[in-house]
């Protein structure tokens, strides 16, 4: 997720009062709303301003945002698991952008352009799915509450419930556009779009990077040293993987085509990362064999260390 500095977007200090934040929002919303803005990036800026105001106007959401710490705008960071449940990511739930002030400022929503068609607002919502759902595709039922102009100069909240198909092969952080599923247009203007921000849920085995998957593969010392054939889980079921003799911890073993599907382009790969694991307890026989190996072996795992005087 990319960090947005909501204070910088609104042009206020981090200790700004609620009234300062509201005034900054109204000023910028009047400037960038599609009904009045001549800025070619006005719609994008209006969406950023609205998202910032939605978070900072609510004390609980603002405190949670402040707890994220300060990052550079656009910097990639990983928010807490519960971040985005109704604020901070453009999603719309019980507390949304208050557009009533804005429409009132436009004189009942007509603006200076009179009855010209006005496109509906675009919305964003986080869509959490599992890696397995990304692999096979899934369908999500979305229950949203969105602001809508009531035709009388005010705004009302209306439910928005529908099902969205998530195609197989989506990636973590990908944004899907659903045209016409956003806010209703005014004066015959087209409806806005709804953007689904795909977010993978944590998986006990797999980590996804793009279409590739990564898996930690525990190996016994003798499997790593002598080589072995071990069973490895994949999204399509377990497969046998040949472990080359002399495998060290951290070595990446590739299983081609066992990652997430690429839409129309084949599949990503699965990389098993070797992790050498020693037994927690040893039998007397095992201890004897390891002592015998230690006595017979000339292997020095620390030969690259500088030789000291032993003090």
C-alpha atoms as a PDB file:
ATOM      1  CA  UNK A   1       0.000   0.000   0.000  1.00  0.00           C
ATOM      2  CA  UNK A   2       1.304   3.479  -0.868  1.00  0.00           C
ATOM      3  CA  UNK A   3       1.322   6.105   1.867  1.00  0.00           C
ATOM      4  CA  UNK A   4      -0.677   9.304   1.370  1.00  0.00           C
ATOM      5  CA  UNK A   5       0.016  12.303   3.575  1.00  0.00           C
ATOM      6  CA  UNK A   6      -3.543  13.429   4.256  1.00  0.00           C
ATOM      7  CA  UNK A   7      -2.377  16.555   6.092  1.00  0.00           C
ATOM      8  CA  UNK A   8      -0.242  17.600   3.133  1.00  0.00           C
ATOM      9  CA  UNK A   9      -3.106  16.882   0.706  1.00  0.00           C
ATOM     10  CA  UNK A  10      -5.413  19.208   2.668  1.00  0.00           C
ATOM     11  CA  UNK A  11      -2.637  21.741   3.255  1.00  0.00           C
ATOM     12  CA  UNK A  12      -2.981  21.757   7.048  1.00  0.00           C
ATOM     13  CA  UNK A  13      -0.622  21.068   9.933  1.00  0.00           C
ATOM     14  CA  UNK A  14      -0.715  17.747  11.766  1.00  0.00           C
ATOM     15  CA  UNK A  15      -2.157  19.471  14.832  1.00  0.00           C
ATOM     16  CA  UNK A  16      -4.878  21.232  12.844  1.00  0.00           C
ATOM     17  CA  UNK A  17      -8.276  21.574  14.499  1.00  0.00           C
ATOM     18  CA  UNK A  18     -11.401  19.857  13.191  1.00  0.00           C
ATOM     19  CA  UNK A  19     -12.672  23.242  11.993  1.00  0.00           C
ATOM     20  CA  UNK A  20      -9.424  23.936  10.097  1.00  0.00           C
ATOM     21  CA  UNK A  21      -9.686  20.531   8.419  1.00  0.00           C
ATOM     22  CA  UNK A  22     -13.316  21.146   7.433  1.00  0.00           C
ATOM     23  CA  UNK A  23     -12.503  24.586   5.997  1.00  0.00           C
ATOM     24  CA  UNK A  24      -9.551  23.202   4.027  1.00  0.00           C
ATOM     25  CA  UNK A  25     -11.724  20.427   2.632  1.00  0.00           C
ATOM     26  CA  UNK A  26     -14.505  22.807   1.547  1.00  0.00           C
ATOM     27  CA  UNK A  27     -12.008  25.130  -0.119  1.00  0.00           C
ATOM     28  CA  UNK A  28     -10.256  22.342  -2.035  1.00  0.00           C
ATOM     29  CA  UNK A  29     -13.456  20.473  -2.853  1.00  0.00           C
ATOM     30  CA  UNK A  30     -14.923  23.607  -4.443  1.00  0.00           C
ATOM     31  CA  UNK A  31     -11.683  24.005  -6.390  1.00  0.00           C
ATOM     32  CA  UNK A  32     -11.354  20.450  -7.698  1.00  0.00           C
ATOM     33  CA  UNK A  33     -14.912  19.105  -7.956  1.00  0.00           C
ATOM     34  CA  UNK A  34     -15.601  17.960 -11.572  1.00  0.00           C
ATOM     35  CA  UNK A  35     -18.548  20.371 -11.723  1.00  0.00           C
ATOM     36  CA  UNK A  36     -16.324  23.431 -11.425  1.00  0.00           C
ATOM     37  CA  UNK A  37     -12.687  22.462 -11.872  1.00  0.00           C
ATOM     38  CA  UNK A  38     -10.737  23.309 -14.989  1.00  0.00           C
ATOM     39  CA  UNK A  39      -7.701  21.417 -13.726  1.00  0.00           C
ATOM     40  CA  UNK A  40      -7.079  18.353 -15.967  1.00  0.00           C
ATOM     41  CA  UNK A  41      -6.264  16.391 -12.797  1.00  0.00           C
ATOM     42  CA  UNK A  42      -9.148  17.924 -10.863  1.00  0.00           C
ATOM     43  CA  UNK A  43     -11.120  14.681 -10.493  1.00  0.00           C
ATOM     44  CA  UNK A  44      -8.071  12.805  -9.183  1.00  0.00           C
ATOM     45  CA  UNK A  45      -7.235  15.617  -6.756  1.00  0.00           C
ATOM     46  CA  UNK A  46     -10.862  15.805  -5.602  1.00  0.00           C
ATOM     47  CA  UNK A  47     -10.790  12.091  -4.792  1.00  0.00           C
ATOM     48  CA  UNK A  48      -7.564  12.486  -2.767  1.00  0.00           C
ATOM     49  CA  UNK A  49      -8.994  15.493  -0.920  1.00  0.00           C
ATOM     50  CA  UNK A  50     -12.209  13.606  -0.147  1.00  0.00           C
ATOM     51  CA  UNK A  51     -10.309  10.547   1.073  1.00  0.00           C
ATOM     52  CA  UNK A  52      -8.118  12.706   3.319  1.00  0.00           C
ATOM     53  CA  UNK A  53     -11.120  14.549   4.774  1.00  0.00           C
ATOM     54  CA  UNK A  54     -13.035  11.325   5.387  1.00  0.00           C
ATOM     55  CA  UNK A  55     -10.219  10.076   7.610  1.00  0.00           C
ATOM     56  CA  UNK A  56      -9.145  13.269   9.369  1.00  0.00           C
ATOM     57  CA  UNK A  57     -12.659  14.501  10.205  1.00  0.00           C
ATOM     58  CA  UNK A  58     -13.294  11.418  12.357  1.00  0.00           C
ATOM     59  CA  UNK A  59     -11.325  11.422  15.655  1.00  0.00           C
ATOM     60  CA  UNK A  60     -10.987   7.627  15.800  1.00  0.00           C
ATOM     61  CA  UNK A  61      -9.940   7.319  12.169  1.00  0.00           C
ATOM     62  CA  UNK A  62      -7.536  10.263  12.536  1.00  0.00           C
ATOM     63  CA  UNK A  63      -5.900   8.693  15.614  1.00  0.00           C
ATOM     64  CA  UNK A  64      -5.479   5.381  13.785  1.00  0.00           C
ATOM     65  CA  UNK A  65      -3.972   7.210  10.802  1.00  0.00           C
ATOM     66  CA  UNK A  66      -1.558   9.141  13.048  1.00  0.00           C
ATOM     67  CA  UNK A  67      -0.449   5.836  14.604  1.00  0.00           C
ATOM     68  CA  UNK A  68       0.786   4.699  11.200  1.00  0.00           C
ATOM     69  CA  UNK A  69       3.688   7.095  11.637  1.00  0.00           C
ATOM     70  CA  UNK A  70       5.005   9.508   9.028  1.00  0.00           C
ATOM     71  CA  UNK A  71       6.255   8.244   5.691  1.00  0.00           C
ATOM     72  CA  UNK A  72       7.188   9.849   2.421  1.00  0.00           C
ATOM     73  CA  UNK A  73       4.183  10.378   0.117  1.00  0.00           C
ATOM     74  CA  UNK A  74       4.025   7.441  -2.304  1.00  0.00           C
ATOM     75  CA  UNK A  75       6.271   5.270  -0.118  1.00  0.00           C
ATOM     76  CA  UNK A  76       5.243   1.611   0.056  1.00  0.00           C
ATOM     77  CA  UNK A  77       4.326   0.474   3.558  1.00  0.00           C
ATOM     78  CA  UNK A  78       2.308  -2.316   5.165  1.00  0.00           C
ATOM     79  CA  UNK A  79      -0.534  -1.091   7.385  1.00  0.00           C
ATOM     80  CA  UNK A  80      -1.916  -3.057  10.357  1.00  0.00           C
ATOM     81  CA  UNK A  81      -4.295  -5.945   9.456  1.00  0.00           C
ATOM     82  CA  UNK A  82      -7.383  -4.015  10.627  1.00  0.00           C
ATOM     83  CA  UNK A  83      -6.502  -0.849   8.700  1.00  0.00           C
ATOM     84  CA  UNK A  84      -9.053   0.001   6.037  1.00  0.00           C
ATOM     85  CA  UNK A  85     -12.143  -1.302   7.865  1.00  0.00           C
ATOM     86  CA  UNK A  86     -14.205   1.738   6.996  1.00  0.00           C
ATOM     87  CA  UNK A  87     -11.520   4.414   6.732  1.00  0.00           C
ATOM     88  CA  UNK A  88      -8.124   5.283   5.334  1.00  0.00           C
ATOM     89  CA  UNK A  89      -8.238   3.259   2.102  1.00  0.00           C
ATOM     90  CA  UNK A  90     -11.067   4.918   0.209  1.00  0.00           C
ATOM     91  CA  UNK A  91     -13.650   2.365   1.357  1.00  0.00           C
ATOM     92  CA  UNK A  92     -17.151   3.532   2.222  1.00  0.00           C
ATOM     93  CA  UNK A  93     -19.004   2.223   5.239  1.00  0.00           C
ATOM     94  CA  UNK A  94     -20.754   3.934   8.135  1.00  0.00           C
ATOM     95  CA  UNK A  95     -18.671   7.141   8.063  1.00  0.00           C
ATOM     96  CA  UNK A  96     -18.064   8.689   4.673  1.00  0.00           C
ATOM     97  CA  UNK A  97     -17.230  11.899   2.996  1.00  0.00           C
ATOM     98  CA  UNK A  98     -19.752  14.540   4.019  1.00  0.00           C
ATOM     99  CA  UNK A  99     -20.722  16.063   0.702  1.00  0.00           C
ATOM    100  CA  UNK A 100     -23.623  18.137   2.037  1.00  0.00           C
ATOM    101  CA  UNK A 101     -21.378  21.157   2.698  1.00  0.00           C
ATOM    102  CA  UNK A 102     -19.942  20.869  -0.762  1.00  0.00           C
ATOM    103  CA  UNK A 103     -23.283  20.694  -2.552  1.00  0.00           C
ATOM    104  CA  UNK A 104     -24.599  23.543  -0.433  1.00  0.00           C
ATOM    105  CA  UNK A 105     -21.583  25.590  -1.481  1.00  0.00           C
ATOM    106  CA  UNK A 106     -22.463  24.854  -5.111  1.00  0.00           C
ATOM    107  CA  UNK A 107     -25.969  26.224  -4.585  1.00  0.00           C
ATOM    108  CA  UNK A 108     -27.931  23.006  -4.433  1.00  0.00           C
ATOM    109  CA  UNK A 109     -25.580  20.937  -6.512  1.00  0.00           C
ATOM    110  CA  UNK A 110     -26.021  22.790  -9.799  1.00  0.00           C
ATOM    111  CA  UNK A 111     -22.731  24.702  -9.689  1.00  0.00           C
ATOM    112  CA  UNK A 112     -21.817  27.368 -12.167  1.00  0.00           C
ATOM    113  CA  UNK A 113     -22.521  25.045 -15.084  1.00  0.00           C
ATOM    114  CA  UNK A 114     -26.268  24.915 -14.383  1.00  0.00           C
ATOM    115  CA  UNK A 115     -27.829  21.697 -15.645  1.00  0.00           C
ATOM    116  CA  UNK A 116     -24.806  20.350 -17.450  1.00  0.00           C
ATOM    117  CA  UNK A 117     -24.271  16.579 -17.023  1.00  0.00           C
ATOM    118  CA  UNK A 118     -22.010  15.762 -14.082  1.00  0.00           C
ATOM    119  CA  UNK A 119     -20.256  12.373 -13.816  1.00  0.00           C
ATOM    120  CA  UNK A 120     -20.846  10.394 -10.633  1.00  0.00           C
ATOM    121  CA  UNK A 121     -18.119  10.114  -8.043  1.00  0.00           C
ATOM    122  CA  UNK A 122     -15.656   7.212  -8.131  1.00  0.00           C
ATOM    123  CA  UNK A 123     -15.436   5.060  -4.998  1.00  0.00           C
ATOM    124  CA  UNK A 124     -12.753   2.695  -3.741  1.00  0.00           C
ATOM    125  CA  UNK A 125     -13.065  -0.273  -1.409  1.00  0.00           C
ATOM    126  CA  UNK A 126     -10.584  -2.854  -0.182  1.00  0.00           C
ATOM    127  CA  UNK A 127     -11.367  -6.397  -1.352  1.00  0.00           C
ATOM    128  CA  UNK A 128      -9.622  -8.925   0.932  1.00  0.00           C
ATOM    129  CA  UNK A 129      -9.287 -12.361  -0.674  1.00  0.00           C
ATOM    130  CA  UNK A 130      -7.202 -15.462  -0.020  1.00  0.00           C
ATOM    131  CA  UNK A 131      -4.352 -16.615  -2.230  1.00  0.00           C
ATOM    132  CA  UNK A 132      -6.449 -19.679  -3.066  1.00  0.00           C
ATOM    133  CA  UNK A 133      -9.280 -17.413  -4.257  1.00  0.00           C
ATOM    134  CA  UNK A 134      -6.824 -15.453  -6.395  1.00  0.00           C
ATOM    135  CA  UNK A 135      -5.617 -18.739  -7.903  1.00  0.00           C
ATOM    136  CA  UNK A 136      -9.056 -20.027  -8.913  1.00  0.00           C
ATOM    137  CA  UNK A 137     -11.100 -16.786  -9.105  1.00  0.00           C
ATOM    138  CA  UNK A 138     -13.991 -15.942  -6.811  1.00  0.00           C
ATOM    139  CA  UNK A 139     -17.106 -13.844  -6.353  1.00  0.00           C
ATOM    140  CA  UNK A 140     -17.495 -11.254  -3.613  1.00  0.00           C
ATOM    141  CA  UNK A 141     -20.734  -9.832  -2.274  1.00  0.00           C
ATOM    142  CA  UNK A 142     -20.239  -6.155  -1.532  1.00  0.00           C
ATOM    143  CA  UNK A 143     -22.457  -4.329   0.944  1.00  0.00           C
ATOM    144  CA  UNK A 144     -21.619  -0.631   0.861  1.00  0.00           C
ATOM    145  CA  UNK A 145     -23.225   2.576   2.025  1.00  0.00           C
ATOM    146  CA  UNK A 146     -22.504   5.467  -0.310  1.00  0.00           C
ATOM    147  CA  UNK A 147     -23.398   9.179  -0.482  1.00  0.00           C
ATOM    148  CA  UNK A 148     -25.911  10.261  -3.113  1.00  0.00           C
ATOM    149  CA  UNK A 149     -27.237  13.705  -4.045  1.00  0.00           C
ATOM    150  CA  UNK A 150     -30.946  13.895  -3.137  1.00  0.00           C
ATOM    151  CA  UNK A 151     -31.887  16.480  -5.758  1.00  0.00           C
ATOM    152  CA  UNK A 152     -32.745  19.096  -3.123  1.00  0.00           C
ATOM    153  CA  UNK A 153     -29.297  20.434  -2.353  1.00  0.00           C
ATOM    154  CA  UNK A 154     -28.437  17.755   0.181  1.00  0.00           C
ATOM    155  CA  UNK A 155     -26.908  14.307   0.391  1.00  0.00           C
ATOM    156  CA  UNK A 156     -28.387  11.052   1.593  1.00  0.00           C
ATOM    157  CA  UNK A 157     -26.835   7.676   2.204  1.00  0.00           C
ATOM    158  CA  UNK A 158     -28.031   4.768   0.129  1.00  0.00           C
ATOM    159  CA  UNK A 159     -27.113   1.079   0.279  1.00  0.00           C
ATOM    160  CA  UNK A 160     -25.128  -0.394  -2.584  1.00  0.00           C
ATOM    161  CA  UNK A 161     -25.280  -4.185  -2.659  1.00  0.00           C
ATOM    162  CA  UNK A 162     -24.049  -6.304  -5.549  1.00  0.00           C
ATOM    163  CA  UNK A 163     -21.766  -9.179  -6.436  1.00  0.00           C
ATOM    164  CA  UNK A 164     -18.396  -8.667  -8.084  1.00  0.00           C
ATOM    165  CA  UNK A 165     -16.506 -11.386  -9.931  1.00  0.00           C
ATOM    166  CA  UNK A 166     -12.786 -11.504  -9.173  1.00  0.00           C
ATOM    167  CA  UNK A 167     -10.957 -13.158 -12.082  1.00  0.00           C
ATOM    168  CA  UNK A 168      -8.316 -15.745 -11.351  1.00  0.00           C
ATOM    169  CA  UNK A 169      -4.762 -14.482 -11.423  1.00  0.00           C
ATOM    170  CA  UNK A 170      -5.268 -11.139  -9.684  1.00  0.00           C
ATOM    171  CA  UNK A 171      -2.291  -9.976  -7.651  1.00  0.00           C
ATOM    172  CA  UNK A 172      -1.897  -8.397  -4.239  1.00  0.00           C
ATOM    173  CA  UNK A 173      -2.349  -4.629  -4.530  1.00  0.00           C
ATOM    174  CA  UNK A 174      -3.993  -4.794  -7.946  1.00  0.00           C
ATOM    175  CA  UNK A 175      -6.853  -2.374  -8.580  1.00  0.00           C
ATOM    176  CA  UNK A 176      -9.933  -3.575 -10.492  1.00  0.00           C
ATOM    177  CA  UNK A 177     -12.346  -1.067 -12.020  1.00  0.00           C
ATOM    178  CA  UNK A 178     -16.084  -1.706 -12.088  1.00  0.00           C
ATOM    179  CA  UNK A 179     -17.513   0.984 -14.396  1.00  0.00           C
ATOM    180  CA  UNK A 180     -20.929   2.332 -13.523  1.00  0.00           C
ATOM    181  CA  UNK A 181     -20.880   0.950  -9.967  1.00  0.00           C
ATOM    182  CA  UNK A 182     -19.863   4.225  -8.314  1.00  0.00           C
ATOM    183  CA  UNK A 183     -21.912   7.306  -7.483  1.00  0.00           C
ATOM    184  CA  UNK A 184     -24.860   8.281  -9.643  1.00  0.00           C
ATOM    185  CA  UNK A 185     -24.310  11.007 -12.177  1.00  0.00           C
ATOM    186  CA  UNK A 186     -26.274  14.261 -12.088  1.00  0.00           C
ATOM    187  CA  UNK A 187     -28.296  15.810 -14.886  1.00  0.00           C
ATOM    188  CA  UNK A 188     -27.880  12.714 -17.046  1.00  0.00           C
ATOM    189  CA  UNK A 189     -24.143  12.373 -16.383  1.00  0.00           C
ATOM    190  CA  UNK A 190     -22.633   8.859 -16.351  1.00  0.00           C
ATOM    191  CA  UNK A 191     -22.317   6.932 -13.107  1.00  0.00           C
ATOM    192  CA  UNK A 192     -18.897   6.786 -11.540  1.00  0.00           C
ATOM    193  CA  UNK A 193     -16.740   3.691 -11.152  1.00  0.00           C
ATOM    194  CA  UNK A 194     -16.047   1.488  -8.167  1.00  0.00           C
ATOM    195  CA  UNK A 195     -12.431   0.445  -7.701  1.00  0.00           C
ATOM    196  CA  UNK A 196     -11.621  -2.765  -5.852  1.00  0.00           C
ATOM    197  CA  UNK A 197      -8.196  -2.730  -4.203  1.00  0.00           C
ATOM    198  CA  UNK A 198      -7.180  -6.393  -4.001  1.00  0.00           C
ATOM    199  CA  UNK A 199      -5.531  -7.302  -0.678  1.00  0.00           C
ATOM    200  CA  UNK A 200      -4.348 -10.849   0.003  1.00  0.00           C
ATOM    201  CA  UNK A 201      -5.146 -12.280   3.409  1.00  0.00           C
ATOM    202  CA  UNK A 202      -2.168 -13.800   5.280  1.00  0.00           C
ATOM    203  CA  UNK A 203      -1.520 -17.420   4.295  1.00  0.00           C
ATOM    204  CA  UNK A 204       0.118 -19.962   6.624  1.00  0.00           C
ATOM    205  CA  UNK A 205       2.265 -21.408   3.808  1.00  0.00           C
ATOM    206  CA  UNK A 206       2.556 -19.111   0.823  1.00  0.00           C
ATOM    207  CA  UNK A 207       3.750 -15.551   0.223  1.00  0.00           C
ATOM    208  CA  UNK A 208       2.885 -13.860  -3.040  1.00  0.00           C
ATOM    209  CA  UNK A 209       5.108 -11.476  -4.998  1.00  0.00           C
ATOM    210  CA  UNK A 210       3.297 -10.619  -8.197  1.00  0.00           C
ATOM    211  CA  UNK A 211       2.339 -13.951  -9.761  1.00  0.00           C
ATOM    212  CA  UNK A 212       5.146 -15.886  -8.029  1.00  0.00           C
ATOM    213  CA  UNK A 213       4.667 -17.706  -4.742  1.00  0.00           C
ATOM    214  CA  UNK A 214       7.254 -18.364  -2.029  1.00  0.00           C
ATOM    215  CA  UNK A 215       7.245 -21.197   0.493  1.00  0.00           C
ATOM    216  CA  UNK A 216       9.633 -21.976   3.352  1.00  0.00           C
ATOM    217  CA  UNK A 217      10.754 -25.609   2.966  1.00  0.00           C
ATOM    218  CA  UNK A 218      12.077 -27.263   6.169  1.00  0.00           C
ATOM    219  CA  UNK A 219      14.842 -29.804   5.511  1.00  0.00           C
ATOM    220  CA  UNK A 220      16.654 -32.149   7.878  1.00  0.00           C
ATOM    221  CA  UNK A 221      20.462 -31.712   7.843  1.00  0.00           C
ATOM    222  CA  UNK A 222      20.963 -35.071   6.154  1.00  0.00           C
ATOM    223  CA  UNK A 223      18.368 -34.243   3.455  1.00  0.00           C
ATOM    224  CA  UNK A 224      20.206 -31.013   2.678  1.00  0.00           C
ATOM    225  CA  UNK A 225      23.643 -32.656   2.745  1.00  0.00           C
ATOM    226  CA  UNK A 226      22.869 -35.891   0.871  1.00  0.00           C
ATOM    227  CA  UNK A 227      19.990 -34.746  -1.319  1.00  0.00           C
ATOM    228  CA  UNK A 228      16.457 -36.082  -1.174  1.00  0.00           C
ATOM    229  CA  UNK A 229      13.064 -36.178  -2.800  1.00  0.00           C
ATOM    230  CA  UNK A 230      10.468 -34.434  -0.615  1.00  0.00           C
ATOM    231  CA  UNK A 231       6.769 -33.657  -0.873  1.00  0.00           C
ATOM    232  CA  UNK A 232       5.950 -29.972  -1.318  1.00  0.00           C
ATOM    233  CA  UNK A 233       2.454 -28.413  -1.130  1.00  0.00           C
ATOM    234  CA  UNK A 234       1.216 -26.286  -4.030  1.00  0.00           C
ATOM    235  CA  UNK A 235      -2.127 -24.651  -4.731  1.00  0.00           C
ATOM    236  CA  UNK A 236      -2.955 -27.550  -7.065  1.00  0.00           C
ATOM    237  CA  UNK A 237      -1.887 -30.286  -4.617  1.00  0.00           C
ATOM    238  CA  UNK A 238       1.366 -31.783  -3.382  1.00  0.00           C
ATOM    239  CA  UNK A 239       4.246 -32.561  -5.754  1.00  0.00           C
ATOM    240  CA  UNK A 240       7.667 -34.198  -5.341  1.00  0.00           C
ATOM    241  CA  UNK A 241      10.693 -31.908  -5.386  1.00  0.00           C
ATOM    242  CA  UNK A 242      14.264 -33.120  -5.825  1.00  0.00           C
ATOM    243  CA  UNK A 243      16.666 -31.598  -3.305  1.00  0.00           C
ATOM    244  CA  UNK A 244      20.218 -31.415  -4.726  1.00  0.00           C
ATOM    245  CA  UNK A 245      23.050 -32.657  -2.461  1.00  0.00           C
ATOM    246  CA  UNK A 246      24.774 -29.865  -0.568  1.00  0.00           C
ATOM    247  CA  UNK A 247      21.729 -27.581  -0.381  1.00  0.00           C
ATOM    248  CA  UNK A 248      22.259 -24.659   2.004  1.00  0.00           C
ATOM    249  CA  UNK A 249      19.655 -22.689   3.942  1.00  0.00           C
ATOM    250  CA  UNK A 250      18.179 -19.911   1.862  1.00  0.00           C
ATOM    251  CA  UNK A 251      18.621 -21.679  -1.473  1.00  0.00           C
ATOM    252  CA  UNK A 252      15.667 -21.094  -3.803  1.00  0.00           C
ATOM    253  CA  UNK A 253      14.341 -24.224  -5.478  1.00  0.00           C
ATOM    254  CA  UNK A 254      12.024 -23.412  -8.358  1.00  0.00           C
ATOM    255  CA  UNK A 255       8.841 -25.240  -9.296  1.00  0.00           C
ATOM    256  CA  UNK A 256       7.959 -23.833 -12.701  1.00  0.00           C
ATOM    257  CA  UNK A 257       4.333 -22.914 -13.357  1.00  0.00           C
ATOM    258  CA  UNK A 258       3.158 -23.566  -9.798  1.00  0.00           C
ATOM    259  CA  UNK A 259       2.418 -19.939  -8.935  1.00  0.00           C
ATOM    260  CA  UNK A 260      -0.616 -17.781  -9.669  1.00  0.00           C
ATOM    261  CA  UNK A 261      -2.056 -17.800 -13.186  1.00  0.00           C
ATOM    262  CA  UNK A 262      -1.287 -14.904 -15.454  1.00  0.00           C
ATOM    263  CA  UNK A 263      -4.411 -13.858 -17.289  1.00  0.00           C
ATOM    264  CA  UNK A 264      -3.788 -15.216 -20.773  1.00  0.00           C
ATOM    265  CA  UNK A 265      -0.023 -15.654 -20.202  1.00  0.00           C
ATOM    266  CA  UNK A 266       0.536 -18.957 -18.381  1.00  0.00           C
ATOM    267  CA  UNK A 267       1.473 -19.096 -14.684  1.00  0.00           C
ATOM    268  CA  UNK A 268       3.984 -17.736 -12.242  1.00  0.00           C
ATOM    269  CA  UNK A 269       6.444 -19.968 -10.385  1.00  0.00           C
ATOM    270  CA  UNK A 270       6.636 -21.368  -6.881  1.00  0.00           C
ATOM    271  CA  UNK A 271       9.950 -20.959  -5.082  1.00  0.00           C
ATOM    272  CA  UNK A 272      10.689 -23.266  -2.161  1.00  0.00           C
ATOM    273  CA  UNK A 273      13.213 -21.613   0.172  1.00  0.00           C
ATOM    274  CA  UNK A 274      15.363 -24.234   1.912  1.00  0.00           C
ATOM    275  CA  UNK A 275      15.384 -23.955   5.714  1.00  0.00           C
ATOM    276  CA  UNK A 276      17.626 -26.479   7.489  1.00  0.00           C
ATOM    277  CA  UNK A 277      16.040 -27.637  10.741  1.00  0.00           C
ATOM    278  CA  UNK A 278      17.779 -29.677  13.447  1.00  0.00           C
ATOM    279  CA  UNK A 279      15.945 -32.109  15.751  1.00  0.00           C
ATOM    280  CA  UNK A 280      14.805 -30.764  19.126  1.00  0.00           C
ATOM    281  CA  UNK A 281      15.887 -33.982  20.853  1.00  0.00           C
ATOM    282  CA  UNK A 282      18.233 -36.825  19.889  1.00  0.00           C
ATOM    283  CA  UNK A 283      18.258 -40.483  20.797  1.00  0.00           C
ATOM    284  CA  UNK A 284      21.477 -42.016  22.102  1.00  0.00           C
ATOM    285  CA  UNK A 285      21.996 -43.677  18.738  1.00  0.00           C
ATOM    286  CA  UNK A 286      21.551 -40.358  16.893  1.00  0.00           C
ATOM    287  CA  UNK A 287      23.952 -38.601  19.242  1.00  0.00           C
ATOM    288  CA  UNK A 288      26.546 -41.333  18.697  1.00  0.00           C
ATOM    289  CA  UNK A 289      26.238 -41.088  14.912  1.00  0.00           C
ATOM    290  CA  UNK A 290      26.561 -37.289  14.973  1.00  0.00           C
ATOM    291  CA  UNK A 291      29.615 -37.484  17.221  1.00  0.00           C
ATOM    292  CA  UNK A 292      31.137 -40.004  14.840  1.00  0.00           C
ATOM    293  CA  UNK A 293      30.416 -37.656  11.923  1.00  0.00           C
ATOM    294  CA  UNK A 294      31.925 -34.706  13.794  1.00  0.00           C
ATOM    295  CA  UNK A 295      35.091 -36.667  14.482  1.00  0.00           C
ATOM    296  CA  UNK A 296      35.445 -37.868  10.891  1.00  0.00           C
ATOM    297  CA  UNK A 297      34.489 -34.656   9.057  1.00  0.00           C
ATOM    298  CA  UNK A 298      37.002 -32.001   8.012  1.00  0.00           C
ATOM    299  CA  UNK A 299      34.219 -29.581   7.073  1.00  0.00           C
ATOM    300  CA  UNK A 300      34.703 -26.099   8.531  1.00  0.00           C
ATOM    301  CA  UNK A 301      31.512 -23.987   8.282  1.00  0.00           C
ATOM    302  CA  UNK A 302      33.423 -20.916   9.524  1.00  0.00           C
ATOM    303  CA  UNK A 303      36.469 -21.084   7.308  1.00  0.00           C
ATOM    304  CA  UNK A 304      35.732 -17.597   5.964  1.00  0.00           C
ATOM    305  CA  UNK A 305      36.138 -16.088   9.449  1.00  0.00           C
ATOM    306  CA  UNK A 306      39.451 -14.348  10.127  1.00  0.00           C
ATOM    307  CA  UNK A 307      41.765 -16.407  12.289  1.00  0.00           C
ATOM    308  CA  UNK A 308      42.421 -14.844  15.680  1.00  0.00           C
ATOM    309  CA  UNK A 309      44.588 -15.676  18.662  1.00  0.00           C
ATOM    310  CA  UNK A 310      41.662 -17.258  20.517  1.00  0.00           C
ATOM    311  CA  UNK A 311      41.515 -14.587  23.227  1.00  0.00           C
END
